[in-house]
Amino acid sequence: MLRIVLVPFFIWFFLADNGQYGWWRWAAVLTFLVAIYTDKLDGDIARARGLITSFGKIADPIADKLLIGSALVLLSASGELWWWITIVMLVREIGITVLRFVVIRYGVMAASRGGKLKTVAQTLAIFLYLLPVTPATPWLSVVALVIMLIALAITVVTGVDYIVDAVKLRNAGLKAAHDGPDAGRAGGTGAAL
């Protein structure tokens, strides 16, 4: 919940800076870092205490997508990040979220290791983009772009992986529903007779 609450503050700080790379930009960077830290802290506490809830399973990815999505849109709207990168990432995020809801009747698509790597790469890239570029740090833009392109590649590859997993999950669910719980026993009984 704290991460969701922090998103409007992050947006406001970023917009208040108006491309000046001043105090407001640093406030946006700090807010982004605190929000990302709450994601890690929340996950650590939930796993350590066995507090994984249905609300958390829904709210956590929504909070992630709000934070990452707003950062990408703000960076593109300010001319700091190409729009096509933001569009590809957002289409993947929204598409996989919708896909999860479509196949939920067949089973839960858990976050993969690749999906977690994708989140880390996106977060690092956004963090680097948010840092103010000064005459003393011209290399920062290049490093940020390279990390963002790596994050983009991971985003696309893991998106394809999730689609393949969703198809397998759906097919297994349809097969189980078609065969029915007694299919194996009925065949065995008939053979014995």
Protein backbone atom coordinates (compact mmCIF):
# COMPACT_ATOMS: atom_id res chain seq x y z
CA MET A 1 0.00 0.00 0.00
CA LEU A 2 2.86 2.39 0.82
CA ARG A 3 4.31 1.86 -2.66
CA ILE A 4 0.96 2.77 -4.24
CA VAL A 5 0.73 5.87 -2.02
CA LEU A 6 4.26 6.93 -3.00
CA VAL A 7 3.53 6.86 -6.75
CA PRO A 8 1.64 10.21 -6.86
CA PHE A 9 4.43 11.85 -4.81
CA PHE A 10 7.04 10.48 -7.22
CA ILE A 11 5.07 11.86 -10.19
CA TRP A 12 4.58 15.24 -8.52
CA PHE A 13 8.27 15.60 -7.63
CA PHE A 14 9.34 14.64 -11.15
CA LEU A 15 6.93 17.13 -12.76
CA ALA A 16 7.80 19.88 -10.25
CA ASP A 17 11.44 19.64 -11.35
CA ASN A 18 10.41 20.50 -14.92
CA GLY A 19 13.66 19.18 -16.39
CA GLN A 20 15.89 21.40 -14.23
CA TYR A 21 17.69 18.49 -12.50
CA GLY A 22 17.38 20.29 -9.19
CA TRP A 23 16.13 19.49 -5.71
CA TRP A 24 12.76 18.19 -6.97
CA ARG A 25 14.50 15.68 -9.24
CA TRP A 26 16.48 14.37 -6.28
CA ALA A 27 13.21 14.11 -4.33
CA ALA A 28 11.78 12.02 -7.19
CA VAL A 29 14.89 9.78 -7.14
CA LEU A 30 14.63 9.32 -3.37
CA THR A 31 10.89 8.57 -3.54
CA PHE A 32 11.51 6.01 -6.30
CA LEU A 33 14.22 4.33 -4.20
CA VAL A 34 12.02 4.22 -1.08
CA ALA A 35 9.15 2.74 -3.11
CA ILE A 36 11.43 0.08 -4.61
CA TYR A 37 12.81 -0.73 -1.16
CA THR A 38 9.27 -1.26 0.18
CA ASP A 39 8.84 -3.91 -2.53
CA LYS A 40 11.89 -5.83 -1.30
CA LEU A 41 11.01 -5.32 2.38
CA ASP A 42 7.42 -6.44 1.81
CA GLY A 43 8.57 -9.59 0.02
CA ASP A 44 11.14 -10.43 2.68
CA ILE A 45 8.63 -10.01 5.53
CA ALA A 46 5.91 -11.95 3.71
CA ARG A 47 8.20 -14.92 3.01
CA ALA A 48 9.83 -14.94 6.46
CA ARG A 49 6.51 -14.89 8.31
CA GLY A 50 4.39 -16.84 5.84
CA LEU A 51 2.11 -13.85 5.31
CA ILE A 52 1.46 -14.36 1.60
CA THR A 53 -2.14 -13.24 1.06
CA SER A 54 -4.54 -13.02 -1.85
CA PHE A 55 -4.58 -9.23 -1.43
CA GLY A 56 -0.78 -9.16 -1.61
CA LYS A 57 -0.74 -11.30 -4.75
CA ILE A 58 -2.96 -8.70 -6.45
CA ALA A 59 -1.69 -5.46 -4.87
CA ASP A 60 2.04 -6.18 -5.26
CA PRO A 61 2.10 -6.45 -9.07
CA ILE A 62 -0.29 -3.49 -9.36
CA ALA A 63 2.02 -1.37 -7.21
CA ASP A 64 5.03 -2.45 -9.29
CA LYS A 65 3.31 -1.64 -12.56
CA LEU A 66 2.09 1.75 -11.30
CA LEU A 67 5.58 2.75 -10.18
CA ILE A 68 7.52 1.39 -13.17
CA GLY A 69 4.85 2.46 -15.67
CA SER A 70 4.61 6.01 -14.35
CA ALA A 71 8.40 6.35 -14.37
CA LEU A 72 8.64 5.13 -17.97
CA VAL A 73 5.86 7.44 -19.14
CA LEU A 74 7.36 10.44 -17.33
CA LEU A 75 10.81 9.78 -18.79
CA SER A 76 9.39 9.48 -22.30
CA ALA A 77 7.12 12.52 -21.92
CA SER A 78 10.14 14.57 -20.80
CA GLY A 79 12.11 13.45 -23.87
CA GLU A 80 14.66 11.46 -21.85
CA LEU A 81 13.60 8.00 -23.05
CA TRP A 82 12.39 6.88 -26.46
CA TRP A 83 8.63 6.33 -26.51
CA TRP A 84 8.94 3.01 -28.35
CA ILE A 85 10.80 1.51 -25.38
CA THR A 86 8.08 2.65 -22.98
CA ILE A 87 5.34 1.34 -25.29
CA VAL A 88 6.96 -2.11 -25.69
CA MET A 89 7.46 -2.43 -21.93
CA LEU A 90 3.94 -1.27 -21.07
CA VAL A 91 2.31 -3.52 -23.68
CA ARG A 92 4.22 -6.48 -22.25
CA GLU A 93 3.29 -5.61 -18.65
CA ILE A 94 -0.39 -5.03 -19.38
CA GLY A 95 -0.57 -8.02 -21.74
CA ILE A 96 0.94 -10.47 -19.24
CA THR A 97 -1.32 -9.14 -16.45
CA VAL A 98 -4.40 -9.69 -18.63
CA LEU A 99 -3.08 -13.12 -19.64
CA ARG A 100 -2.70 -14.10 -15.98
CA PHE A 101 -6.36 -13.25 -15.34
CA VAL A 102 -7.46 -15.14 -18.47
CA VAL A 103 -5.74 -18.40 -17.45
CA ILE A 104 -6.33 -18.14 -13.70
CA ARG A 105 -9.12 -20.72 -13.87
CA TYR A 106 -6.50 -23.26 -15.00
CA GLY A 107 -3.91 -22.30 -12.40
CA VAL A 108 -1.72 -19.48 -11.13
CA MET A 109 1.16 -18.26 -13.26
CA ALA A 110 3.81 -17.58 -10.65
CA ALA A 111 6.50 -14.97 -11.17
CA SER A 112 9.48 -16.58 -12.82
CA ARG A 113 13.15 -16.00 -12.10
CA GLY A 114 13.32 -14.20 -15.45
CA GLY A 115 10.40 -11.99 -14.43
CA LYS A 116 12.22 -11.01 -11.25
CA LEU A 117 15.40 -10.31 -13.24
CA LYS A 118 13.31 -8.15 -15.57
CA THR A 119 12.03 -6.09 -12.65
CA VAL A 120 15.56 -5.60 -11.27
CA ALA A 121 16.89 -4.55 -14.70
CA GLN A 122 13.99 -2.14 -15.29
CA THR A 123 14.39 -0.66 -11.82
CA LEU A 124 18.13 -0.13 -12.25
CA ALA A 125 17.68 1.41 -15.69
CA ILE A 126 14.96 3.79 -14.47
CA PHE A 127 17.06 4.75 -11.45
CA LEU A 128 19.99 5.64 -13.74
CA TYR A 129 17.68 7.65 -16.02
CA LEU A 130 16.29 9.54 -13.03
CA LEU A 131 19.73 10.62 -11.82
CA PRO A 132 20.55 14.16 -12.95
CA VAL A 133 23.08 14.24 -15.79
CA THR A 134 25.67 16.95 -15.25
CA PRO A 135 28.70 18.09 -17.27
CA ALA A 136 30.77 15.93 -14.89
CA THR A 137 28.72 12.79 -15.62
CA PRO A 138 28.04 12.67 -19.39
CA TRP A 139 28.69 8.91 -19.36
CA LEU A 140 25.60 8.39 -17.19
CA SER A 141 23.27 8.71 -20.19
CA VAL A 142 25.15 6.00 -22.10
CA VAL A 143 25.19 3.60 -19.13
CA ALA A 144 21.47 4.23 -18.50
CA LEU A 145 20.64 3.52 -22.16
CA VAL A 146 22.66 0.29 -22.23
CA ILE A 147 20.99 -0.99 -19.05
CA MET A 148 17.56 0.04 -20.40
CA LEU A 149 18.16 -1.89 -23.65
CA ILE A 150 19.19 -4.94 -21.61
CA ALA A 151 16.02 -4.53 -19.52
CA LEU A 152 13.99 -4.25 -22.73
CA ALA A 153 15.47 -7.49 -24.10
CA ILE A 154 14.74 -9.33 -20.83
CA THR A 155 11.22 -7.84 -20.82
CA VAL A 156 10.47 -9.18 -24.30
CA VAL A 157 12.04 -12.63 -23.75
CA THR A 158 10.25 -13.17 -20.43
CA GLY A 159 7.01 -11.97 -22.00
CA VAL A 160 7.30 -14.70 -24.64
CA ASP A 161 8.12 -17.23 -21.89
CA TYR A 162 4.97 -16.26 -19.98
CA ILE A 163 2.86 -16.68 -23.13
CA VAL A 164 4.29 -20.18 -23.67
CA ASP A 165 3.63 -21.04 -19.98
CA ALA A 166 0.07 -19.72 -20.23
CA VAL A 167 -0.65 -21.88 -23.29
CA LYS A 168 0.77 -24.96 -21.52
CA LEU A 169 -1.26 -24.19 -18.38
CA ARG A 170 -4.44 -23.73 -20.41
CA ASN A 171 -3.88 -26.92 -22.43
CA ALA A 172 -3.17 -28.94 -19.27
CA GLY A 173 -6.30 -27.51 -17.64
CA LEU A 174 -8.45 -28.31 -20.68
CA LYS A 175 -7.02 -31.83 -20.88
CA ALA A 176 -7.70 -32.43 -17.18
CA ALA A 177 -11.25 -31.14 -17.55
CA HIS A 178 -11.82 -33.27 -20.66
CA ASP A 179 -10.37 -36.45 -19.16
CA GLY A 180 -12.17 -35.95 -15.86
CA PRO A 181 -11.03 -37.22 -12.47
CA ASP A 182 -12.34 -40.77 -13.09
CA ALA A 183 -10.93 -41.25 -16.61
CA GLY A 184 -7.95 -43.37 -15.53
CA ARG A 185 -9.95 -45.53 -13.11
CA ALA A 186 -12.70 -46.22 -15.62
CA GLY A 187 -10.18 -47.41 -18.20
CA GLY A 188 -8.48 -49.64 -15.65
CA THR A 189 -11.75 -51.22 -14.51
CA GLY A 190 -12.79 -51.94 -18.08
CA ALA A 191 -9.49 -53.66 -18.82
CA ALA A 192 -9.86 -55.86 -15.71
CA LEU A 193 -13.27 -57.01 -16.80
